[in-house]
């Protein structure tokens, strides 16, 4: 069994659906001249099969996984 610490959320996908979540990051002021105002980042996730559905656990920042 695993314990996930930090910010996370889960979504259960029905058969034939594949959810993808992106995080929008605002660029810091000192880098605005050479970079775009916003960047996107695809969130990492773990997947668990539950019958015909897939439960996805999306991880935000400061994620840590511990095996117990």
PDB file of N, CA and C in Angstrom:
ATOM      1  N   UNK A   1       0.841  -1.173   0.000  1.00  0.00           N
ATOM      2  CA  UNK A   1       0.000   0.000   0.000  1.00  0.00           C
ATOM      3  C   UNK A   1       0.889   1.240   0.000  1.00  0.00           C
ATOM      4  N   UNK A   2       0.426   2.311  -0.640  1.00  0.00           N
ATOM      5  CA  UNK A   2       1.177   3.552  -0.721  1.00  0.00           C
ATOM      6  C   UNK A   2       0.405   4.688  -0.065  1.00  0.00           C
ATOM      7  N   UNK A   3       1.124   5.601   0.548  1.00  0.00           N
ATOM      8  CA  UNK A   3       0.532   6.822   1.084  1.00  0.00           C
ATOM      9  C   UNK A   3       1.113   7.985   0.287  1.00  0.00           C
ATOM     10  N   UNK A   4       0.247   8.876  -0.209  1.00  0.00           N
ATOM     11  CA  UNK A   4       0.689  10.036  -0.968  1.00  0.00           C
ATOM     12  C   UNK A   4       0.544  11.261  -0.081  1.00  0.00           C
ATOM     13  N   UNK A   5       1.647  12.003   0.080  1.00  0.00           N
ATOM     14  CA  UNK A   5       1.617  13.217   0.877  1.00  0.00           C
ATOM     15  C   UNK A   5       1.784  14.407  -0.047  1.00  0.00           C
ATOM     16  N   UNK A   6       1.176  15.529   0.295  1.00  0.00           N
ATOM     17  CA  UNK A   6       1.228  16.725  -0.529  1.00  0.00           C
ATOM     18  C   UNK A   6      -0.117  16.934  -1.205  1.00  0.00           C
ATOM     19  N   UNK A   7      -0.183  17.916  -2.096  1.00  0.00           N
ATOM     20  CA  UNK A   7      -1.437  18.234  -2.770  1.00  0.00           C
ATOM     21  C   UNK A   7      -1.687  17.237  -3.896  1.00  0.00           C
ATOM     22  N   UNK A   8      -2.876  16.666  -3.895  1.00  0.00           N
ATOM     23  CA  UNK A   8      -3.253  15.707  -4.926  1.00  0.00           C
ATOM     24  C   UNK A   8      -4.773  15.615  -4.992  1.00  0.00           C
ATOM     25  N   UNK A   9      -5.292  15.055  -6.078  1.00  0.00           N
ATOM     26  CA  UNK A   9      -6.721  14.802  -6.226  1.00  0.00           C
ATOM     27  C   UNK A   9      -6.898  13.615  -7.161  1.00  0.00           C
ATOM     28  N   UNK A  10      -8.060  12.983  -7.103  1.00  0.00           N
ATOM     29  CA  UNK A  10      -8.290  11.818  -7.952  1.00  0.00           C
ATOM     30  C   UNK A  10      -9.523  12.005  -8.826  1.00  0.00           C
ATOM     31  N   UNK A  11      -9.509  11.337  -9.976  1.00  0.00           N
ATOM     32  CA  UNK A  11     -10.613  11.328 -10.929  1.00  0.00           C
ATOM     33  C   UNK A  11     -10.771   9.881 -11.388  1.00  0.00           C
ATOM     34  N   UNK A  12     -12.013   9.412 -11.484  1.00  0.00           N
ATOM     35  CA  UNK A  12     -12.273   8.064 -11.993  1.00  0.00           C
ATOM     36  C   UNK A  12     -12.808   8.186 -13.411  1.00  0.00           C
ATOM     37  N   UNK A  13     -12.082   7.598 -14.367  1.00  0.00           N
ATOM     38  CA  UNK A  13     -12.469   7.633 -15.779  1.00  0.00           C
ATOM     39  C   UNK A  13     -13.287   6.403 -16.137  1.00  0.00           C
ATOM     40  N   UNK A  14     -14.436   6.590 -16.822  1.00  0.00           N
ATOM     41  CA  UNK A  14     -15.155   5.428 -17.344  1.00  0.00           C
ATOM     42  C   UNK A  14     -14.402   4.838 -18.540  1.00  0.00           C
ATOM     43  N   UNK A  15     -14.815   3.689 -18.991  1.00  0.00           N
ATOM     44  CA  UNK A  15     -14.171   3.026 -20.119  1.00  0.00           C
ATOM     45  C   UNK A  15     -14.249   3.930 -21.357  1.00  0.00           C
ATOM     46  N   UNK A  16     -13.135   4.050 -22.072  1.00  0.00           N
ATOM     47  CA  UNK A  16     -13.080   4.858 -23.290  1.00  0.00           C
ATOM     48  C   UNK A  16     -12.745   6.326 -23.059  1.00  0.00           C
ATOM     49  N   UNK A  17     -12.524   6.742 -21.815  1.00  0.00           N
ATOM     50  CA  UNK A  17     -12.200   8.137 -21.490  1.00  0.00           C
ATOM     51  C   UNK A  17     -10.794   8.180 -20.908  1.00  0.00           C
ATOM     52  N   UNK A  18     -10.007   9.181 -21.318  1.00  0.00           N
ATOM     53  CA  UNK A  18      -8.653   9.348 -20.799  1.00  0.00           C
ATOM     54  C   UNK A  18      -8.465  10.810 -20.406  1.00  0.00           C
ATOM     55  N   UNK A  19      -8.569  11.111 -19.119  1.00  0.00           N
ATOM     56  CA  UNK A  19      -8.452  12.479 -18.622  1.00  0.00           C
ATOM     57  C   UNK A  19      -6.994  12.885 -18.503  1.00  0.00           C
ATOM     58  N   UNK A  20      -6.685  14.096 -18.988  1.00  0.00           N
ATOM     59  CA  UNK A  20      -5.351  14.677 -18.869  1.00  0.00           C
ATOM     60  C   UNK A  20      -5.536  16.049 -18.224  1.00  0.00           C
ATOM     61  N   UNK A  21      -4.727  16.374 -17.222  1.00  0.00           N
ATOM     62  CA  UNK A  21      -4.833  17.642 -16.500  1.00  0.00           C
ATOM     63  C   UNK A  21      -3.530  18.423 -16.679  1.00  0.00           C
ATOM     64  N   UNK A  22      -3.667  19.719 -16.954  1.00  0.00           N
ATOM     65  CA  UNK A  22      -2.520  20.612 -17.097  1.00  0.00           C
ATOM     66  C   UNK A  22      -2.560  21.678 -16.016  1.00  0.00           C
ATOM     67  N   UNK A  23      -1.400  22.072 -15.536  1.00  0.00           N
ATOM     68  CA  UNK A  23      -1.251  23.159 -14.568  1.00  0.00           C
ATOM     69  C   UNK A  23      -0.731  24.375 -15.325  1.00  0.00           C
ATOM     70  N   UNK A  24      -1.328  25.546 -15.090  1.00  0.00           N
ATOM     71  CA  UNK A  24      -0.899  26.787 -15.728  1.00  0.00           C
ATOM     72  C   UNK A  24      -0.018  27.547 -14.748  1.00  0.00           C
ATOM     73  N   UNK A  25       1.197  27.873 -15.181  1.00  0.00           N
ATOM     74  CA  UNK A  25       2.162  28.587 -14.340  1.00  0.00           C
ATOM     75  C   UNK A  25       2.370  29.993 -14.888  1.00  0.00           C
ATOM     76  N   UNK A  26       2.331  30.978 -14.016  1.00  0.00           N
ATOM     77  CA  UNK A  26       2.611  32.360 -14.410  1.00  0.00           C
ATOM     78  C   UNK A  26       4.114  32.596 -14.272  1.00  0.00           C
ATOM     79  N   UNK A  27       4.716  33.191 -15.292  1.00  0.00           N
ATOM     80  CA  UNK A  27       6.149  33.456 -15.293  1.00  0.00           C
ATOM     81  C   UNK A  27       6.474  34.589 -14.321  1.00  0.00           C
ATOM     82  N   UNK A  28       7.564  34.442 -13.593  1.00  0.00           N
ATOM     83  CA  UNK A  28       7.988  35.478 -12.647  1.00  0.00           C
ATOM     84  C   UNK A  28       8.369  36.750 -13.405  1.00  0.00           C
ATOM     85  N   UNK A  29       8.174  37.910 -12.769  1.00  0.00           N
ATOM     86  CA  UNK A  29       8.365  39.207 -13.425  1.00  0.00           C
ATOM     87  C   UNK A  29       9.757  39.398 -14.030  1.00  0.00           C
ATOM     88  N   UNK A  30      10.792  38.918 -13.360  1.00  0.00           N
ATOM     89  CA  UNK A  30      12.153  39.138 -13.854  1.00  0.00           C
ATOM     90  C   UNK A  30      12.447  38.360 -15.140  1.00  0.00           C
ATOM     91  N   UNK A  31      11.623  37.345 -15.475  1.00  0.00           N
ATOM     92  CA  UNK A  31      11.842  36.545 -16.682  1.00  0.00           C
ATOM     93  C   UNK A  31      10.863  36.879 -17.813  1.00  0.00           C
ATOM     94  N   UNK A  32       9.971  37.850 -17.615  1.00  0.00           N
ATOM     95  CA  UNK A  32       8.925  38.146 -18.596  1.00  0.00           C
ATOM     96  C   UNK A  32       9.458  38.617 -19.948  1.00  0.00           C
ATOM     97  N   UNK A  33      10.578  39.321 -19.988  1.00  0.00           N
ATOM     98  CA  UNK A  33      11.091  39.856 -21.252  1.00  0.00           C
ATOM     99  C   UNK A  33      11.520  38.745 -22.207  1.00  0.00           C
ATOM    100  N   UNK A  34      12.067  37.653 -21.689  1.00  0.00           N
ATOM    101  CA  UNK A  34      12.571  36.592 -22.556  1.00  0.00           C
ATOM    102  C   UNK A  34      11.689  35.341 -22.579  1.00  0.00           C
ATOM    103  N   UNK A  35      10.598  35.321 -21.806  1.00  0.00           N
ATOM    104  CA  UNK A  35       9.747  34.133 -21.719  1.00  0.00           C
ATOM    105  C   UNK A  35       8.276  34.505 -21.901  1.00  0.00           C
ATOM    106  N   UNK A  36       7.436  33.519 -22.236  1.00  0.00           N
ATOM    107  CA  UNK A  36       6.000  33.806 -22.320  1.00  0.00           C
ATOM    108  C   UNK A  36       5.419  34.107 -20.940  1.00  0.00           C
ATOM    109  N   UNK A  37       4.278  34.802 -20.920  1.00  0.00           N
ATOM    110  CA  UNK A  37       3.657  35.184 -19.660  1.00  0.00           C
ATOM    111  C   UNK A  37       3.191  33.962 -18.864  1.00  0.00           C
ATOM    112  N   UNK A  38       2.721  32.925 -19.572  1.00  0.00           N
ATOM    113  CA  UNK A  38       2.254  31.701 -18.927  1.00  0.00           C
ATOM    114  C   UNK A  38       2.889  30.482 -19.590  1.00  0.00           C
ATOM    115  N   UNK A  39       3.094  29.427 -18.809  1.00  0.00           N
ATOM    116  CA  UNK A  39       3.542  28.141 -19.347  1.00  0.00           C
ATOM    117  C   UNK A  39       2.598  27.069 -18.811  1.00  0.00           C
ATOM    118  N   UNK A  40       2.532  25.946 -19.512  1.00  0.00           N
ATOM    119  CA  UNK A  40       1.694  24.854 -19.035  1.00  0.00           C
ATOM    120  C   UNK A  40       2.561  23.641 -18.734  1.00  0.00           C
ATOM    121  N   UNK A  41       2.076  22.829 -17.811  1.00  0.00           N
ATOM    122  CA  UNK A  41       2.806  21.644 -17.372  1.00  0.00           C
ATOM    123  C   UNK A  41       1.792  20.511 -17.180  1.00  0.00           C
ATOM    124  N   UNK A  42       2.042  19.374 -17.812  1.00  0.00           N
ATOM    125  CA  UNK A  42       1.149  18.226 -17.663  1.00  0.00           C
ATOM    126  C   UNK A  42       1.416  17.570 -16.311  1.00  0.00           C
ATOM    127  N   UNK A  43       0.359  17.336 -15.541  1.00  0.00           N
ATOM    128  CA  UNK A  43       0.521  16.760 -14.210  1.00  0.00           C
ATOM    129  C   UNK A  43       0.810  15.267 -14.291  1.00  0.00           C
ATOM    130  N   UNK A  44       1.695  14.800 -13.417  1.00  0.00           N
ATOM    131  CA  UNK A  44       1.973  13.377 -13.278  1.00  0.00           C
ATOM    132  C   UNK A  44       0.804  12.718 -12.546  1.00  0.00           C
ATOM    133  N   UNK A  45       0.618  11.437 -12.797  1.00  0.00           N
ATOM    134  CA  UNK A  45      -0.444  10.720 -12.108  1.00  0.00           C
ATOM    135  C   UNK A  45      -0.093   9.247 -11.957  1.00  0.00           C
ATOM    136  N   UNK A  46      -0.766   8.614 -11.007  1.00  0.00           N
ATOM    137  CA  UNK A  46      -0.706   7.162 -10.877  1.00  0.00           C
ATOM    138  C   UNK A  46      -2.078   6.638 -11.267  1.00  0.00           C
ATOM    139  N   UNK A  47      -2.123   5.401 -11.726  1.00  0.00           N
ATOM    140  CA  UNK A  47      -3.374   4.844 -12.219  1.00  0.00           C
ATOM    141  C   UNK A  47      -3.660   3.509 -11.529  1.00  0.00           C
ATOM    142  N   UNK A  48      -4.926   3.302 -11.187  1.00  0.00           N
ATOM    143  CA  UNK A  48      -5.356   2.074 -10.530  1.00  0.00           C
ATOM    144  C   UNK A  48      -6.618   1.580 -11.236  1.00  0.00           C
ATOM    145  N   UNK A  49      -6.650   0.316 -11.625  1.00  0.00           N
ATOM    146  CA  UNK A  49      -7.823  -0.250 -12.279  1.00  0.00           C
ATOM    147  C   UNK A  49      -8.842  -0.670 -11.230  1.00  0.00           C
ATOM    148  N   UNK A  50     -10.096  -0.274 -11.467  1.00  0.00           N
ATOM    149  CA  UNK A  50     -11.207  -0.647 -10.581  1.00  0.00           C
ATOM    150  C   UNK A  50     -12.356  -1.136 -11.456  1.00  0.00           C
ATOM    151  N   UNK A  51     -12.382  -2.422 -11.706  1.00  0.00           N
ATOM    152  CA  UNK A  51     -13.402  -2.983 -12.595  1.00  0.00           C
ATOM    153  C   UNK A  51     -13.178  -2.474 -14.009  1.00  0.00           C
ATOM    154  N   UNK A  52     -14.183  -1.846 -14.588  1.00  0.00           N
ATOM    155  CA  UNK A  52     -14.086  -1.286 -15.944  1.00  0.00           C
ATOM    156  C   UNK A  52     -13.626   0.172 -15.928  1.00  0.00           C
ATOM    157  N   UNK A  53     -13.342   0.711 -14.764  1.00  0.00           N
ATOM    158  CA  UNK A  53     -12.947   2.117 -14.629  1.00  0.00           C
ATOM    159  C   UNK A  53     -11.490   2.228 -14.208  1.00  0.00           C
ATOM    160  N   UNK A  54     -10.905   3.410 -14.467  1.00  0.00           N
ATOM    161  CA  UNK A  54      -9.532   3.694 -14.049  1.00  0.00           C
ATOM    162  C   UNK A  54      -9.543   4.883 -13.102  1.00  0.00           C
ATOM    163  N   UNK A  55      -8.994   4.693 -11.915  1.00  0.00           N
ATOM    164  CA  UNK A  55      -8.879   5.792 -10.959  1.00  0.00           C
ATOM    165  C   UNK A  55      -7.493   6.402 -11.122  1.00  0.00           C
ATOM    166  N   UNK A  56      -7.444   7.705 -11.404  1.00  0.00           N
ATOM    167  CA  UNK A  56      -6.179   8.408 -11.565  1.00  0.00           C
ATOM    168  C   UNK A  56      -5.981   9.350 -10.388  1.00  0.00           C
ATOM    169  N   UNK A  57      -4.794   9.301  -9.810  1.00  0.00           N
ATOM    170  CA  UNK A  57      -4.424  10.180  -8.714  1.00  0.00           C
ATOM    171  C   UNK A  57      -3.417  11.174  -9.272  1.00  0.00           C
ATOM    172  N   UNK A  58      -3.851  12.435  -9.441  1.00  0.00           N
ATOM    173  CA  UNK A  58      -2.999  13.491  -9.989  1.00  0.00           C
ATOM    174  C   UNK A  58      -2.219  14.151  -8.861  1.00  0.00           C
ATOM    175  N   UNK A  59      -0.935  14.356  -9.083  1.00  0.00           N
ATOM    176  CA  UNK A  59      -0.033  14.909  -8.077  1.00  0.00           C
ATOM    177  C   UNK A  59       0.321  16.344  -8.430  1.00  0.00           C
ATOM    178  N   UNK A  60       0.176  17.247  -7.469  1.00  0.00           N
ATOM    179  CA  UNK A  60       0.551  18.642  -7.672  1.00  0.00           C
ATOM    180  C   UNK A  60       1.961  18.856  -7.158  1.00  0.00           C
ATOM    181  N   UNK A  61       2.216  19.890  -6.402  1.00  0.00           N
ATOM    182  CA  UNK A  61       3.576  20.160  -5.933  1.00  0.00           C
ATOM    183  C   UNK A  61       3.887  19.417  -4.636  1.00  0.00           C
ATOM    184  N   UNK A  62       5.180  19.263  -4.347  1.00  0.00           N
ATOM    185  CA  UNK A  62       5.672  18.648  -3.120  1.00  0.00           C
ATOM    186  C   UNK A  62       5.113  17.244  -2.882  1.00  0.00           C
ATOM    187  N   UNK A  63       5.014  16.459  -3.942  1.00  0.00           N
ATOM    188  CA  UNK A  63       4.472  15.119  -3.768  1.00  0.00           C
ATOM    189  C   UNK A  63       5.526  14.165  -3.238  1.00  0.00           C
ATOM    190  N   UNK A  64       5.106  13.315  -2.326  1.00  0.00           N
ATOM    191  CA  UNK A  64       5.953  12.285  -1.749  1.00  0.00           C
ATOM    192  C   UNK A  64       5.120  11.026  -1.636  1.00  0.00           C
ATOM    193  N   UNK A  65       5.714   9.900  -2.006  1.00  0.00           N
ATOM    194  CA  UNK A  65       5.030   8.616  -1.874  1.00  0.00           C
ATOM    195  C   UNK A  65       5.780   7.769  -0.881  1.00  0.00           C
ATOM    196  N   UNK A  66       5.058   7.171   0.041  1.00  0.00           N
ATOM    197  CA  UNK A  66       5.663   6.276   1.027  1.00  0.00           C
ATOM    198  C   UNK A  66       5.002   4.925   0.921  1.00  0.00           C
ATOM    199  N   UNK A  67       5.811   3.879   0.918  1.00  0.00           N
ATOM    200  CA  UNK A  67       5.267   2.511   0.975  1.00  0.00           C
ATOM    201  C   UNK A  67       5.118   2.132   2.428  1.00  0.00           C
ATOM    202  N   UNK A  68       3.958   1.541   2.753  1.00  0.00           N
ATOM    203  CA  UNK A  68       3.758   1.063   4.130  1.00  0.00           C
ATOM    204  C   UNK A  68       3.472  -0.425   4.113  1.00  0.00           C
TER     205      UNK A  68
END
